[in-house]
Amino acid sequence: MFKLLLTIAAIYILFKLITNDKKKKQQTFQNKENTKVPSGEMVKDPICGTFVPKNSDIRVRIGEKVECFCSYECRDKFLKQLEK
């Protein structure tokens, strides 16, 4: 009888370990998914060629066209090219 109780207890402990491990894996996967940055449309910086998000804060509007830049330095170079 003691062996049977011991076997049942061991099976129960193994079951809890396995199911708890599954839950931890699911939580880790969810955390990784939540920390991912949503992908957006990327455009190429006309000066250095770096890809930046289309909704970048550093922009210049020329008529209907909007140019996005990776830095203020690239934006300033672009504006100097337009002045020439």
PDB file of N, CA and C in Angstrom:
ATOM      1  N   MET A   1       0.816  -1.188   0.000  1.00  0.00           N
ATOM      2  CA  MET A   1       0.000   0.000   0.000  1.00  0.00           C
ATOM      3  C   MET A   1       0.870   1.266   0.000  1.00  0.00           C
ATOM      4  N   PHE A   2       1.977   1.191   0.774  1.00  0.00           N
ATOM      5  CA  PHE A   2       2.877   2.336   0.864  1.00  0.00           C
ATOM      6  C   PHE A   2       3.520   2.623  -0.489  1.00  0.00           C
ATOM      7  N   LYS A   3       3.887   1.570  -1.232  1.00  0.00           N
ATOM      8  CA  LYS A   3       4.490   1.738  -2.546  1.00  0.00           C
ATOM      9  C   LYS A   3       3.512   2.415  -3.517  1.00  0.00           C
ATOM     10  N   LEU A   4       2.262   2.030  -3.425  1.00  0.00           N
ATOM     11  CA  LEU A   4       1.242   2.613  -4.287  1.00  0.00           C
ATOM     12  C   LEU A   4       1.080   4.110  -4.004  1.00  0.00           C
ATOM     13  N   LEU A   5       1.023   4.487  -2.739  1.00  0.00           N
ATOM     14  CA  LEU A   5       0.909   5.900  -2.374  1.00  0.00           C
ATOM     15  C   LEU A   5       2.146   6.674  -2.798  1.00  0.00           C
ATOM     16  N   LEU A   6       3.289   6.087  -2.636  1.00  0.00           N
ATOM     17  CA  LEU A   6       4.541   6.719  -3.033  1.00  0.00           C
ATOM     18  C   LEU A   6       4.588   6.911  -4.557  1.00  0.00           C
ATOM     19  N   THR A   7       4.137   5.924  -5.307  1.00  0.00           N
ATOM     20  CA  THR A   7       4.106   6.017  -6.771  1.00  0.00           C
ATOM     21  C   THR A   7       3.121   7.100  -7.208  1.00  0.00           C
ATOM     22  N   ILE A   8       1.969   7.153  -6.601  1.00  0.00           N
ATOM     23  CA  ILE A   8       0.969   8.172  -6.940  1.00  0.00           C
ATOM     24  C   ILE A   8       1.513   9.568  -6.620  1.00  0.00           C
ATOM     25  N   ALA A   9       2.175   9.713  -5.496  1.00  0.00           N
ATOM     26  CA  ALA A   9       2.750  11.005  -5.123  1.00  0.00           C
ATOM     27  C   ALA A   9       3.834  11.419  -6.126  1.00  0.00           C
ATOM     28  N   ALA A  10       4.669  10.464  -6.531  1.00  0.00           N
ATOM     29  CA  ALA A  10       5.725  10.773  -7.497  1.00  0.00           C
ATOM     30  C   ALA A  10       5.131  11.182  -8.845  1.00  0.00           C
ATOM     31  N   ILE A  11       4.099  10.492  -9.286  1.00  0.00           N
ATOM     32  CA  ILE A  11       3.442  10.830 -10.548  1.00  0.00           C
ATOM     33  C   ILE A  11       2.804  12.218 -10.448  1.00  0.00           C
ATOM     34  N   TYR A  12       2.179  12.514  -9.318  1.00  0.00           N
ATOM     35  CA  TYR A  12       1.549  13.820  -9.120  1.00  0.00           C
ATOM     36  C   TYR A  12       2.603  14.936  -9.158  1.00  0.00           C
ATOM     37  N   ILE A  13       3.734  14.735  -8.513  1.00  0.00           N
ATOM     38  CA  ILE A  13       4.808  15.732  -8.501  1.00  0.00           C
ATOM     39  C   ILE A  13       5.354  15.938  -9.902  1.00  0.00           C
ATOM     40  N   LEU A  14       5.579  14.855 -10.639  1.00  0.00           N
ATOM     41  CA  LEU A  14       6.060  14.974 -12.017  1.00  0.00           C
ATOM     42  C   LEU A  14       5.050  15.713 -12.893  1.00  0.00           C
ATOM     43  N   PHE A  15       3.783  15.406 -12.710  1.00  0.00           N
ATOM     44  CA  PHE A  15       2.726  16.075 -13.467  1.00  0.00           C
ATOM     45  C   PHE A  15       2.747  17.576 -13.198  1.00  0.00           C
ATOM     46  N   LYS A  16       2.849  17.971 -11.934  1.00  0.00           N
ATOM     47  CA  LYS A  16       2.877  19.390 -11.571  1.00  0.00           C
ATOM     48  C   LYS A  16       4.127  20.073 -12.143  1.00  0.00           C
ATOM     49  N   LEU A  17       5.259  19.398 -12.109  1.00  0.00           N
ATOM     50  CA  LEU A  17       6.486  19.972 -12.665  1.00  0.00           C
ATOM     51  C   LEU A  17       6.352  20.223 -14.166  1.00  0.00           C
ATOM     52  N   ILE A  18       5.789  19.255 -14.857  1.00  0.00           N
ATOM     53  CA  ILE A  18       5.652  19.370 -16.314  1.00  0.00           C
ATOM     54  C   ILE A  18       4.662  20.468 -16.679  1.00  0.00           C
ATOM     55  N   THR A  19       3.515  20.503 -16.011  1.00  0.00           N
ATOM     56  CA  THR A  19       2.518  21.523 -16.343  1.00  0.00           C
ATOM     57  C   THR A  19       2.992  22.915 -15.948  1.00  0.00           C
ATOM     58  N   ASN A  20       3.726  23.030 -14.850  1.00  0.00           N
ATOM     59  CA  ASN A  20       4.249  24.328 -14.442  1.00  0.00           C
ATOM     60  C   ASN A  20       5.295  24.811 -15.449  1.00  0.00           C
ATOM     61  N   ASP A  21       6.099  23.896 -15.972  1.00  0.00           N
ATOM     62  CA  ASP A  21       7.101  24.248 -16.982  1.00  0.00           C
ATOM     63  C   ASP A  21       6.420  24.748 -18.254  1.00  0.00           C
ATOM     64  N   LYS A  22       5.320  24.114 -18.623  1.00  0.00           N
ATOM     65  CA  LYS A  22       4.562  24.538 -19.801  1.00  0.00           C
ATOM     66  C   LYS A  22       4.024  25.957 -19.615  1.00  0.00           C
ATOM     67  N   LYS A  23       3.517  26.242 -18.429  1.00  0.00           N
ATOM     68  CA  LYS A  23       2.981  27.573 -18.150  1.00  0.00           C
ATOM     69  C   LYS A  23       4.084  28.629 -18.215  1.00  0.00           C
ATOM     70  N   LYS A  24       5.249  28.301 -17.683  1.00  0.00           N
ATOM     71  CA  LYS A  24       6.364  29.252 -17.724  1.00  0.00           C
ATOM     72  C   LYS A  24       6.789  29.521 -19.163  1.00  0.00           C
ATOM     73  N   LYS A  25       6.819  28.484 -19.986  1.00  0.00           N
ATOM     74  CA  LYS A  25       7.179  28.668 -21.393  1.00  0.00           C
ATOM     75  C   LYS A  25       6.158  29.552 -22.099  1.00  0.00           C
ATOM     76  N   GLN A  26       4.875  29.352 -21.824  1.00  0.00           N
ATOM     77  CA  GLN A  26       3.841  30.174 -22.433  1.00  0.00           C
ATOM     78  C   GLN A  26       3.966  31.631 -21.983  1.00  0.00           C
ATOM     79  N   GLN A  27       4.247  31.854 -20.704  1.00  0.00           N
ATOM     80  CA  GLN A  27       4.402  33.214 -20.197  1.00  0.00           C
ATOM     81  C   GLN A  27       5.630  33.875 -20.816  1.00  0.00           C
ATOM     82  N   THR A  28       6.723  33.143 -20.960  1.00  0.00           N
ATOM     83  CA  THR A  28       7.931  33.694 -21.574  1.00  0.00           C
ATOM     84  C   THR A  28       7.666  34.056 -23.018  1.00  0.00           C
ATOM     85  N   PHE A  29       6.966  33.198 -23.744  1.00  0.00           N
ATOM     86  CA  PHE A  29       6.636  33.476 -25.135  1.00  0.00           C
ATOM     87  C   PHE A  29       5.759  34.717 -25.232  1.00  0.00           C
ATOM     88  N   GLN A  30       4.765  34.837 -24.339  1.00  0.00           N
ATOM     89  CA  GLN A  30       3.886  36.006 -24.341  1.00  0.00           C
ATOM     90  C   GLN A  30       4.669  37.271 -24.047  1.00  0.00           C
ATOM     91  N   ASN A  31       5.589  37.211 -23.107  1.00  0.00           N
ATOM     92  CA  ASN A  31       6.395  38.389 -22.774  1.00  0.00           C
ATOM     93  C   ASN A  31       7.249  38.806 -23.962  1.00  0.00           C
ATOM     94  N   LYS A  32       7.818  37.849 -24.679  1.00  0.00           N
ATOM     95  CA  LYS A  32       8.630  38.168 -25.850  1.00  0.00           C
ATOM     96  C   LYS A  32       7.762  38.803 -26.936  1.00  0.00           C
ATOM     97  N   GLU A  33       6.554  38.282 -27.121  1.00  0.00           N
ATOM     98  CA  GLU A  33       5.652  38.833 -28.124  1.00  0.00           C
ATOM     99  C   GLU A  33       5.236  40.259 -27.760  1.00  0.00           C
ATOM    100  N   ASN A  34       5.036  40.508 -26.477  1.00  0.00           N
ATOM    101  CA  ASN A  34       4.599  41.836 -26.039  1.00  0.00           C
ATOM    102  C   ASN A  34       5.706  42.874 -26.168  1.00  0.00           C
ATOM    103  N   THR A  35       6.970  42.449 -26.096  1.00  0.00           N
ATOM    104  CA  THR A  35       8.068  43.413 -26.161  1.00  0.00           C
ATOM    105  C   THR A  35       8.505  43.696 -27.588  1.00  0.00           C
ATOM    106  N   LYS A  36       7.984  42.989 -28.558  1.00  0.00           N
ATOM    107  CA  LYS A  36       8.355  43.247 -29.944  1.00  0.00           C
ATOM    108  C   LYS A  36       7.776  44.583 -30.402  1.00  0.00           C
ATOM    109  N   VAL A  37       8.544  45.275 -31.192  1.00  0.00           N
ATOM    110  CA  VAL A  37       8.100  46.554 -31.729  1.00  0.00           C
ATOM    111  C   VAL A  37       7.223  46.285 -32.941  1.00  0.00           C
ATOM    112  N   PRO A  38       6.075  46.946 -33.017  1.00  0.00           N
ATOM    113  CA  PRO A  38       5.235  46.737 -34.181  1.00  0.00           C
ATOM    114  C   PRO A  38       5.951  47.203 -35.446  1.00  0.00           C
ATOM    115  N   SER A  39       5.868  46.393 -36.451  1.00  0.00           N
ATOM    116  CA  SER A  39       6.557  46.763 -37.684  1.00  0.00           C
ATOM    117  C   SER A  39       5.741  47.809 -38.426  1.00  0.00           C
ATOM    118  N   GLY A  40       6.446  48.737 -39.030  1.00  0.00           N
ATOM    119  CA  GLY A  40       5.798  49.787 -39.780  1.00  0.00           C
ATOM    120  C   GLY A  40       6.502  49.938 -41.112  1.00  0.00           C
ATOM    121  N   GLU A  41       6.008  50.844 -41.901  1.00  0.00           N
ATOM    122  CA  GLU A  41       6.605  51.061 -43.212  1.00  0.00           C
ATOM    123  C   GLU A  41       7.915  51.817 -43.037  1.00  0.00           C
ATOM    124  N   MET A  42       8.938  51.353 -43.707  1.00  0.00           N
ATOM    125  CA  MET A  42      10.255  51.976 -43.638  1.00  0.00           C
ATOM    126  C   MET A  42      10.553  52.661 -44.964  1.00  0.00           C
ATOM    127  N   VAL A  43      11.207  53.823 -44.873  1.00  0.00           N
ATOM    128  CA  VAL A  43      11.612  54.560 -46.072  1.00  0.00           C
ATOM    129  C   VAL A  43      13.105  54.835 -45.976  1.00  0.00           C
ATOM    130  N   LYS A  44      13.709  55.065 -47.127  1.00  0.00           N
ATOM    131  CA  LYS A  44      15.149  55.254 -47.189  1.00  0.00           C
ATOM    132  C   LYS A  44      15.504  56.733 -47.056  1.00  0.00           C
ATOM    133  N   ASP A  45      16.451  57.021 -46.179  1.00  0.00           N
ATOM    134  CA  ASP A  45      16.970  58.377 -46.021  1.00  0.00           C
ATOM    135  C   ASP A  45      17.680  58.754 -47.323  1.00  0.00           C
ATOM    136  N   PRO A  46      17.321  59.884 -47.953  1.00  0.00           N
ATOM    137  CA  PRO A  46      17.910  60.226 -49.250  1.00  0.00           C
ATOM    138  C   PRO A  46      19.400  60.593 -49.182  1.00  0.00           C
ATOM    139  N   ILE A  47      19.925  60.905 -48.023  1.00  0.00           N
ATOM    140  CA  ILE A  47      21.320  61.302 -47.896  1.00  0.00           C
ATOM    141  C   ILE A  47      22.223  60.109 -47.618  1.00  0.00           C
ATOM    142  N   CYS A  48      21.973  59.389 -46.530  1.00  0.00           N
ATOM    143  CA  CYS A  48      22.886  58.302 -46.140  1.00  0.00           C
ATOM    144  C   CYS A  48      22.379  56.913 -46.500  1.00  0.00           C
ATOM    145  N   GLY A  49      21.113  56.780 -46.866  1.00  0.00           N
ATOM    146  CA  GLY A  49      20.581  55.479 -47.273  1.00  0.00           C
ATOM    147  C   GLY A  49      20.074  54.622 -46.135  1.00  0.00           C
ATOM    148  N   THR A  50      20.073  55.143 -44.921  1.00  0.00           N
ATOM    149  CA  THR A  50      19.565  54.392 -43.781  1.00  0.00           C
ATOM    150  C   THR A  50      18.046  54.297 -43.874  1.00  0.00           C
ATOM    151  N   PHE A  51      17.499  53.150 -43.489  1.00  0.00           N
ATOM    152  CA  PHE A  51      16.052  52.997 -43.480  1.00  0.00           C
ATOM    153  C   PHE A  51      15.510  53.496 -42.144  1.00  0.00           C
ATOM    154  N   VAL A  52      14.502  54.353 -42.222  1.00  0.00           N
ATOM    155  CA  VAL A  52      13.878  54.939 -41.031  1.00  0.00           C
ATOM    156  C   VAL A  52      12.373  54.741 -41.123  1.00  0.00           C
ATOM    157  N   PRO A  53      11.678  54.766 -39.980  1.00  0.00           N
ATOM    158  CA  PRO A  53      10.218  54.638 -40.021  1.00  0.00           C
ATOM    159  C   PRO A  53       9.591  55.801 -40.784  1.00  0.00           C
ATOM    160  N   LYS A  54       8.532  55.502 -41.503  1.00  0.00           N
ATOM    161  CA  LYS A  54       7.863  56.532 -42.300  1.00  0.00           C
ATOM    162  C   LYS A  54       7.303  57.639 -41.426  1.00  0.00           C
ATOM    163  N   ASN A  55       6.939  57.320 -40.200  1.00  0.00           N
ATOM    164  CA  ASN A  55       6.400  58.324 -39.292  1.00  0.00           C
ATOM    165  C   ASN A  55       7.504  58.928 -38.416  1.00  0.00           C
ATOM    166  N   SER A  56       8.709  59.012 -38.947  1.00  0.00           N
ATOM    167  CA  SER A  56       9.846  59.589 -38.234  1.00  0.00           C
ATOM    168  C   SER A  56       9.581  61.049 -37.889  1.00  0.00           C
ATOM    169  N   ASP A  57      10.191  61.525 -36.815  1.00  0.00           N
ATOM    170  CA  ASP A  57       9.997  62.914 -36.395  1.00  0.00           C
ATOM    171  C   ASP A  57      10.790  63.900 -37.241  1.00  0.00           C
ATOM    172  N   ILE A  58      11.837  63.443 -37.891  1.00  0.00           N
ATOM    173  CA  ILE A  58      12.691  64.335 -38.672  1.00  0.00           C
ATOM    174  C   ILE A  58      12.259  64.231 -40.131  1.00  0.00           C
ATOM    175  N   ARG A  59      11.463  65.225 -40.586  1.00  0.00           N
ATOM    176  CA  ARG A  59      10.900  65.196 -41.933  1.00  0.00           C
ATOM    177  C   ARG A  59      11.007  66.564 -42.585  1.00  0.00           C
ATOM    178  N   VAL A  60      10.972  66.542 -43.903  1.00  0.00           N
ATOM    179  CA  VAL A  60      10.918  67.766 -44.695  1.00  0.00           C
ATOM    180  C   VAL A  60       9.867  67.546 -45.767  1.00  0.00           C
ATOM    181  N   ARG A  61       8.948  68.526 -45.901  1.00  0.00           N
ATOM    182  CA  ARG A  61       7.910  68.436 -46.922  1.00  0.00           C
ATOM    183  C   ARG A  61       8.305  69.349 -48.077  1.00  0.00           C
ATOM    184  N   ILE A  62       8.335  68.767 -49.265  1.00  0.00           N
ATOM    185  CA  ILE A  62       8.623  69.523 -50.479  1.00  0.00           C
ATOM    186  C   ILE A  62       7.427  69.321 -51.401  1.00  0.00           C
ATOM    187  N   GLY A  63       6.547  70.290 -51.435  1.00  0.00           N
ATOM    188  CA  GLY A  63       5.319  70.134 -52.213  1.00  0.00           C
ATOM    189  C   GLY A  63       4.463  69.036 -51.613  1.00  0.00           C
ATOM    190  N   GLU A  64       4.200  68.018 -52.418  1.00  0.00           N
ATOM    191  CA  GLU A  64       3.414  66.872 -51.954  1.00  0.00           C
ATOM    192  C   GLU A  64       4.286  65.764 -51.377  1.00  0.00           C
ATOM    193  N   LYS A  65       5.586  65.828 -51.614  1.00  0.00           N
ATOM    194  CA  LYS A  65       6.502  64.766 -51.191  1.00  0.00           C
ATOM    195  C   LYS A  65       7.064  65.050 -49.801  1.00  0.00           C
ATOM    196  N   VAL A  66       7.130  64.015 -48.964  1.00  0.00           N
ATOM    197  CA  VAL A  66       7.688  64.133 -47.622  1.00  0.00           C
ATOM    198  C   VAL A  66       8.918  63.241 -47.551  1.00  0.00           C
ATOM    199  N   GLU A  67      10.050  63.828 -47.178  1.00  0.00           N
ATOM    200  CA  GLU A  67      11.298  63.070 -47.011  1.00  0.00           C
ATOM    201  C   GLU A  67      11.539  62.862 -45.521  1.00  0.00           C
ATOM    202  N   CYS A  68      11.917  61.647 -45.140  1.00  0.00           N
ATOM    203  CA  CYS A  68      12.211  61.319 -43.747  1.00  0.00           C
ATOM    204  C   CYS A  68      13.712  61.106 -43.601  1.00  0.00           C
ATOM    205  N   PHE A  69      14.253  61.515 -42.455  1.00  0.00           N
ATOM    206  CA  PHE A  69      15.693  61.453 -42.235  1.00  0.00           C
ATOM    207  C   PHE A  69      16.013  60.746 -40.932  1.00  0.00           C
ATOM    208  N   CYS A  70      17.226  60.181 -40.886  1.00  0.00           N
ATOM    209  CA  CYS A  70      17.657  59.460 -39.690  1.00  0.00           C
ATOM    210  C   CYS A  70      18.200  60.419 -38.633  1.00  0.00           C
ATOM    211  N   SER A  71      18.693  61.589 -39.046  1.00  0.00           N
ATOM    212  CA  SER A  71      19.256  62.547 -38.095  1.00  0.00           C
ATOM    213  C   SER A  71      19.082  63.960 -38.623  1.00  0.00           C
ATOM    214  N   TYR A  72      19.308  64.913 -37.740  1.00  0.00           N
ATOM    215  CA  TYR A  72      19.216  66.315 -38.140  1.00  0.00           C
ATOM    216  C   TYR A  72      20.368  66.689 -39.079  1.00  0.00           C
ATOM    217  N   GLU A  73      21.488  65.999 -38.941  1.00  0.00           N
ATOM    218  CA  GLU A  73      22.620  66.251 -39.838  1.00  0.00           C
ATOM    219  C   GLU A  73      22.255  65.905 -41.279  1.00  0.00           C
ATOM    220  N   CYS A  74      21.630  64.770 -41.485  1.00  0.00           N
ATOM    221  CA  CYS A  74      21.209  64.379 -42.833  1.00  0.00           C
ATOM    222  C   CYS A  74      20.159  65.357 -43.369  1.00  0.00           C
ATOM    223  N   ARG A  75      19.258  65.777 -42.515  1.00  0.00           N
ATOM    224  CA  ARG A  75      18.246  66.737 -42.942  1.00  0.00           C
ATOM    225  C   ARG A  75      18.898  68.045 -43.381  1.00  0.00           C
ATOM    226  N   ASP A  76      19.876  68.533 -42.606  1.00  0.00           N
ATOM    227  CA  ASP A  76      20.555  69.785 -42.946  1.00  0.00           C
ATOM    228  C   ASP A  76      21.325  69.664 -44.254  1.00  0.00           C
ATOM    229  N   LYS A  77      21.979  68.517 -44.474  1.00  0.00           N
ATOM    230  CA  LYS A  77      22.688  68.290 -45.749  1.00  0.00           C
ATOM    231  C   LYS A  77      21.703  68.331 -46.914  1.00  0.00           C
ATOM    232  N   PHE A  78      20.552  67.719 -46.724  1.00  0.00           N
ATOM    233  CA  PHE A  78      19.529  67.701 -47.766  1.00  0.00           C
ATOM    234  C   PHE A  78      19.044  69.112 -48.074  1.00  0.00           C
ATOM    235  N   LEU A  79      18.808  69.906 -47.048  1.00  0.00           N
ATOM    236  CA  LEU A  79      18.347  71.286 -47.242  1.00  0.00           C
ATOM    237  C   LEU A  79      19.412  72.134 -47.947  1.00  0.00           C
ATOM    238  N   LYS A  80      20.683  71.888 -47.627  1.00  0.00           N
ATOM    239  CA  LYS A  80      21.770  72.614 -48.315  1.00  0.00           C
ATOM    240  C   LYS A  80      21.825  72.250 -49.788  1.00  0.00           C
ATOM    241  N   GLN A  81      21.562  70.975 -50.095  1.00  0.00           N
ATOM    242  CA  GLN A  81      21.545  70.541 -51.501  1.00  0.00           C
ATOM    243  C   GLN A  81      20.399  71.219 -52.244  1.00  0.00           C
ATOM    244  N   LEU A  82      19.276  71.438 -51.586  1.00  0.00           N
ATOM    245  CA  LEU A  82      18.139  72.085 -52.223  1.00  0.00           C
ATOM    246  C   LEU A  82      18.418  73.566 -52.498  1.00  0.00           C
ATOM    247  N   GLU A  83      19.204  74.189 -51.641  1.00  0.00           N
ATOM    248  CA  GLU A  83      19.512  75.607 -51.817  1.00  0.00           C
ATOM    249  C   GLU A  83      20.391  75.851 -53.043  1.00  0.00           C
ATOM    250  N   LYS A  84      21.195  74.857 -53.417  1.00  0.00           N
ATOM    251  CA  LYS A  84      22.123  75.028 -54.550  1.00  0.00           C
ATOM    252  C   LYS A  84      21.433  75.066 -55.860  1.00  0.00           C
TER     253      LYS A  84
END
